[in-house]
Amino acid sequence: MTRQELRHKLQQVRRNLPAEQQLAAAFQVADKLEQRLESFVPQETTVAVYKSFAGELPTSPIIERLWQLGFKTVLPVLHPFAKGHLLFLSYTSKTPMTINKYGIEEPELNAQNVMPLSEVQVLLMPLVGFDHQGNRLGMGGGYYDRTLAQWHNGNRPNLSPIGLSYNEQQVESIPVESWDIPLPEIITPAKHWRF
């Protein structure tokens, strides 16, 4: 099966999950994430999260939990000048939002709210699929691959990338390309994977 065929199949799988199962999964992932973040001091930690889209694991309960625990949060924004790259902007309940070209909600661009990746300690990432070696299949735009490359190349050694996923998105094997970077951790409702 090609990457595109697998991506399409797994997107269908997650879209077909009942809404109540999706929400329950999000709360289970939030619980596991809270345990994972116990070693971080909330007031000194910035967590990059994302607004869920197209059947992704709902992140609203996760964002609410991060806020309750006192973590600072940032959201990805499509970089206006560096095509294919992400910027991260501070995010609170009062942040003005807009919709990007993919239909994904993101903070309105404001240079004062930009948070350099060097100041982000935890990077939560969406997945379309993953395998038992931590290989990740995304939506295909390469945005997170480019962000992960900074961590993988040793430029952001203090960053902890963590994938968030439904149990149903695990597959036996993801076809890997040269630019793919396996994740060190993935959290599903059933398990916290460490690779």
Protein backbone atom coordinates (compact mmCIF):
# COMPACT_ATOMS: atom_id res chain seq x y z
CA MET A 1 0.00 0.00 0.00
CA THR A 2 1.39 3.42 -0.93
CA ARG A 3 1.67 6.23 1.62
CA GLN A 4 -1.20 8.06 -0.06
CA GLU A 5 -3.45 4.98 0.01
CA LEU A 6 -2.58 4.34 3.66
CA ARG A 7 -3.18 8.01 4.52
CA HIS A 8 -6.60 7.91 2.84
CA LYS A 9 -7.54 4.65 4.60
CA LEU A 10 -6.48 5.89 8.05
CA GLN A 11 -8.20 9.25 7.59
CA GLN A 12 -11.39 7.32 6.85
CA VAL A 13 -10.88 5.16 9.97
CA ARG A 14 -10.63 8.17 12.27
CA ARG A 15 -13.53 9.99 10.59
CA ASN A 16 -15.72 6.93 11.18
CA LEU A 17 -15.11 6.87 14.94
CA PRO A 18 -18.29 7.93 16.81
CA ALA A 19 -18.10 11.46 18.27
CA GLU A 20 -18.44 10.19 21.84
CA GLN A 21 -15.55 7.75 21.29
CA GLN A 22 -13.40 10.58 19.87
CA LEU A 23 -14.11 12.76 22.90
CA ALA A 24 -13.50 9.93 25.38
CA ALA A 25 -10.18 9.22 23.63
CA ALA A 26 -9.18 12.88 23.99
CA PHE A 27 -9.77 12.81 27.77
CA GLN A 28 -7.79 9.56 28.09
CA VAL A 29 -4.90 11.09 26.16
CA ALA A 30 -5.12 14.23 28.33
CA ASP A 31 -4.75 12.04 31.44
CA LYS A 32 -1.66 10.29 30.04
CA LEU A 33 -0.19 13.58 28.87
CA GLU A 34 -0.66 15.08 32.34
CA GLN A 35 1.33 12.16 33.80
CA ARG A 36 4.04 12.66 31.16
CA LEU A 37 4.33 16.37 31.99
CA GLU A 38 4.76 15.81 35.75
CA SER A 39 8.53 16.40 35.42
CA PHE A 40 7.96 19.86 33.89
CA VAL A 41 7.36 23.05 35.90
CA PRO A 42 4.14 24.41 34.31
CA GLN A 43 4.97 28.11 34.72
CA GLU A 44 8.35 27.55 33.03
CA THR A 45 7.07 25.29 30.24
CA THR A 46 5.59 26.13 26.87
CA VAL A 47 3.63 23.41 25.08
CA ALA A 48 2.98 23.62 21.35
CA VAL A 49 -0.40 22.04 20.68
CA TYR A 50 -2.70 22.18 17.63
CA LYS A 51 -6.37 22.74 16.88
CA SER A 52 -7.78 19.40 15.77
CA PHE A 53 -9.11 19.15 12.24
CA ALA A 54 -10.64 16.55 9.90
CA GLY A 55 -11.19 13.79 12.44
CA GLU A 56 -7.94 14.27 14.37
CA LEU A 57 -8.01 13.43 18.07
CA PRO A 58 -9.92 16.38 19.62
CA THR A 59 -7.46 18.74 21.29
CA SER A 60 -9.93 21.02 23.11
CA PRO A 61 -9.92 18.84 26.29
CA ILE A 62 -6.11 18.64 26.09
CA ILE A 63 -5.74 22.43 25.74
CA GLU A 64 -8.14 22.99 28.65
CA ARG A 65 -6.14 20.56 30.80
CA LEU A 66 -2.86 22.31 29.91
CA TRP A 67 -4.38 25.65 30.94
CA GLN A 68 -5.75 24.20 34.20
CA LEU A 69 -2.25 22.90 35.02
CA GLY A 70 -0.71 26.31 34.30
CA PHE A 71 1.20 25.52 31.11
CA LYS A 72 1.74 28.22 28.49
CA THR A 73 0.42 27.11 25.10
CA VAL A 74 1.27 28.03 21.54
CA LEU A 75 -0.39 27.02 18.28
CA PRO A 76 1.18 26.49 14.85
CA VAL A 77 0.58 29.09 12.16
CA LEU A 78 1.51 28.70 8.50
CA HIS A 79 4.63 30.83 8.04
CA PRO A 80 3.74 33.85 5.86
CA PHE A 81 7.16 34.05 4.18
CA ALA A 82 8.93 30.69 4.55
CA LYS A 83 6.72 28.39 2.45
CA GLY A 84 6.13 25.00 4.04
CA HIS A 85 7.24 26.09 7.53
CA LEU A 86 5.40 26.74 10.77
CA LEU A 87 5.53 29.62 13.21
CA PHE A 88 4.26 29.21 16.76
CA LEU A 89 2.10 31.90 18.36
CA SER A 90 0.98 32.29 21.97
CA TYR A 91 -2.53 30.96 22.53
CA THR A 92 -5.03 31.75 25.28
CA SER A 93 -8.83 31.65 25.46
CA LYS A 94 -8.85 35.30 24.31
CA THR A 95 -6.55 34.91 21.26
CA PRO A 96 -8.17 36.23 18.05
CA MET A 97 -8.39 33.35 15.58
CA THR A 98 -8.56 33.00 11.82
CA ILE A 99 -8.88 30.11 9.34
CA ASN A 100 -5.86 29.20 7.21
CA LYS A 101 -5.82 27.99 3.59
CA TYR A 102 -6.37 24.38 4.73
CA GLY A 103 -9.45 25.31 6.76
CA ILE A 104 -7.58 24.93 10.07
CA GLU A 105 -8.11 27.41 12.89
CA GLU A 106 -4.98 29.33 13.90
CA PRO A 107 -4.13 32.52 15.81
CA GLU A 108 -4.20 35.76 13.84
CA LEU A 109 -0.65 36.66 12.86
CA ASN A 110 0.84 39.10 15.35
CA ALA A 111 4.63 39.44 15.58
CA GLN A 112 4.38 40.19 19.31
CA ASN A 113 2.89 36.74 19.93
CA VAL A 114 5.51 34.71 18.03
CA MET A 115 7.27 32.15 20.21
CA PRO A 116 10.57 30.82 18.81
CA LEU A 117 10.81 27.03 18.73
CA SER A 118 13.85 27.36 21.02
CA GLU A 119 11.46 28.50 23.77
CA VAL A 120 9.07 25.55 23.33
CA GLN A 121 9.72 22.53 25.55
CA VAL A 122 6.97 20.15 24.36
CA LEU A 123 5.73 19.75 20.78
CA LEU A 124 2.40 17.91 20.49
CA MET A 125 1.79 16.69 16.95
CA PRO A 126 -1.17 15.26 15.04
CA LEU A 127 -0.82 11.91 13.30
CA VAL A 128 -2.66 10.17 10.52
CA GLY A 129 -0.91 6.92 11.39
CA PHE A 130 2.08 5.42 13.20
CA ASP A 131 3.88 2.10 13.56
CA HIS A 132 5.66 0.26 16.40
CA GLN A 133 8.96 1.99 15.56
CA GLY A 134 7.62 5.51 15.99
CA ASN A 135 7.37 6.25 12.28
CA ARG A 136 4.68 8.87 11.71
CA LEU A 137 2.39 9.46 8.76
CA GLY A 138 1.07 13.02 8.59
CA MET A 139 -1.21 14.88 6.22
CA GLY A 140 1.52 15.12 3.60
CA GLY A 141 2.42 18.82 3.70
CA GLY A 142 5.75 18.28 5.46
CA TYR A 143 5.23 21.13 7.93
CA TYR A 144 5.95 19.04 11.00
CA ASP A 145 8.78 17.20 9.22
CA ARG A 146 10.56 20.54 8.76
CA THR A 147 9.91 21.47 12.39
CA LEU A 148 11.14 18.08 13.61
CA ALA A 149 14.28 18.40 11.50
CA GLN A 150 15.45 21.23 13.78
CA TRP A 151 15.13 18.89 16.77
CA HIS A 152 16.60 15.89 14.95
CA ASN A 153 19.65 17.87 13.78
CA GLY A 154 20.47 18.72 17.39
CA ASN A 155 19.45 22.37 17.12
CA ARG A 156 16.62 21.96 19.66
CA PRO A 157 17.88 19.28 22.09
CA ASN A 158 15.52 20.37 24.88
CA LEU A 159 12.39 19.85 22.76
CA SER A 160 10.18 16.83 23.54
CA PRO A 161 8.14 15.88 20.44
CA ILE A 162 5.07 13.76 21.25
CA GLY A 163 2.53 12.44 18.75
CA LEU A 164 -1.16 12.24 19.72
CA SER A 165 -3.32 9.56 18.16
CA TYR A 166 -6.27 7.23 18.41
CA ASN A 167 -5.48 3.54 19.05
CA GLU A 168 -7.00 2.76 15.67
CA GLN A 169 -4.29 4.72 13.82
CA GLN A 170 -1.53 2.25 14.63
CA VAL A 171 -0.46 0.08 11.69
CA GLU A 172 2.14 -2.64 11.24
CA SER A 173 4.46 -0.54 9.12
CA ILE A 174 4.60 2.99 7.68
CA PRO A 175 6.41 3.33 4.33
CA VAL A 176 9.33 5.63 5.20
CA GLU A 177 10.86 8.38 3.06
CA SER A 178 14.35 9.87 3.48
CA TRP A 179 13.01 13.03 5.17
CA ASP A 180 10.86 11.17 7.71
CA ILE A 181 11.90 11.49 11.36
CA PRO A 182 10.54 8.91 13.80
CA LEU A 183 8.94 10.24 16.96
CA PRO A 184 10.42 9.38 20.37
CA GLU A 185 6.95 9.23 21.97
CA ILE A 186 3.32 8.75 20.97
CA ILE A 187 0.34 8.89 23.31
CA THR A 188 -2.87 7.01 22.50
CA PRO A 189 -5.86 6.39 24.80
CA ALA A 190 -4.53 2.88 25.51
CA LYS A 191 -0.79 3.44 25.79
CA HIS A 192 2.12 5.85 26.12
CA TRP A 193 4.59 4.60 23.52
CA ARG A 194 8.31 5.36 23.97
CA PHE A 195 10.57 4.42 21.09
